[in-house]
Protein backbone atom coordinates (compact mmCIF):
# COMPACT_ATOMS: atom_id res chain seq x y z
CA UNK A 1 6.15 -8.30 8.06
CA UNK A 2 4.49 -5.40 9.85
CA UNK A 3 5.37 -1.78 9.17
CA UNK A 4 3.90 1.24 10.98
CA UNK A 5 3.93 3.59 8.02
CA UNK A 6 3.30 6.74 10.05
CA UNK A 7 6.86 6.47 11.37
CA UNK A 8 8.48 6.69 7.91
CA UNK A 9 8.51 8.63 4.66
CA UNK A 10 6.54 7.00 1.84
CA UNK A 11 9.67 6.19 -0.15
CA UNK A 12 11.18 4.43 2.89
CA UNK A 13 8.05 2.31 3.30
CA UNK A 14 8.23 1.16 -0.30
CA UNK A 15 11.87 0.16 0.08
CA UNK A 16 11.15 -1.66 3.40
CA UNK A 17 8.44 -3.70 1.70
CA UNK A 18 10.75 -4.70 -1.16
CA UNK A 19 13.65 -5.51 1.14
CA UNK A 20 11.35 -7.41 3.51
CA UNK A 21 10.42 -9.62 0.59
CA UNK A 22 14.13 -10.10 -0.23
CA UNK A 23 13.66 -8.80 -3.75
CA UNK A 24 15.78 -6.70 -6.03
CA UNK A 25 14.19 -3.70 -7.69
CA UNK A 26 14.21 -5.61 -10.97
CA UNK A 27 12.49 -8.68 -9.48
CA UNK A 28 9.71 -6.60 -7.94
CA UNK A 29 9.24 -4.56 -11.10
CA UNK A 30 8.92 -7.68 -13.22
CA UNK A 31 6.45 -9.33 -10.81
CA UNK A 32 4.06 -6.36 -10.65
CA UNK A 33 4.62 -5.42 -14.30
CA UNK A 34 6.11 -1.95 -13.95
CA UNK A 35 9.52 -0.61 -14.94
CA UNK A 36 12.59 -0.89 -12.74
CA UNK A 37 13.03 2.86 -13.13
CA UNK A 38 9.60 3.36 -11.51
CA UNK A 39 10.75 1.32 -8.52
CA UNK A 40 13.90 3.44 -8.30
CA UNK A 41 11.88 6.66 -8.40
CA UNK A 42 9.52 5.40 -5.67
CA UNK A 43 12.43 4.45 -3.43
CA UNK A 44 14.32 7.71 -3.97
CA UNK A 45 11.15 9.70 -3.39
CA UNK A 46 11.22 11.51 -6.72
CA UNK A 47 7.81 10.08 -7.63
CA UNK A 48 5.03 8.91 -5.33
CA UNK A 49 3.55 5.47 -5.88
CA UNK A 50 -0.19 4.89 -5.85
CA UNK A 51 -2.32 2.79 -3.58
CA UNK A 52 -2.96 0.64 -6.64
CA UNK A 53 0.77 -0.17 -6.74
CA UNK A 54 0.66 -1.30 -3.10
CA UNK A 55 -2.35 -3.49 -3.88
CA UNK A 56 -0.44 -5.07 -6.80
CA UNK A 57 2.40 -5.95 -4.41
CA UNK A 58 -0.01 -7.26 -1.79
CA UNK A 59 -1.77 -9.47 -4.32
CA UNK A 60 1.45 -10.73 -5.90
CA UNK A 61 3.04 -11.69 -2.57
CA UNK A 62 0.00 -12.62 -0.48
CA UNK A 63 0.34 -9.62 1.85
CA UNK A 64 -2.36 -7.83 3.79
CA UNK A 65 -2.76 -4.06 3.82
CA UNK A 66 -4.35 -2.80 7.02
CA UNK A 67 -5.40 0.73 7.91
CA UNK A 68 -6.15 1.31 11.57
CA UNK A 69 -7.06 4.27 13.68
CA UNK A 70 -4.17 5.40 15.84
CA UNK A 71 -4.32 4.78 19.57
CA UNK A 72 -4.09 8.01 21.49
């Protein structure tokens, strides 16, 4: 899965990651040990998630987080 995050809102990116892994909010919450309500808030954009949360997902599902300089 590859997502260009600059093209989306942060809450959309979080939801794309979860859906790309074919997980429910509850399954993801349980796996990374946070509440389902936190997942809901991240996806609705009422609360911003941290980079630490992304790292938890990456570690739990063997994903790679890459930050690259944009091509101009």
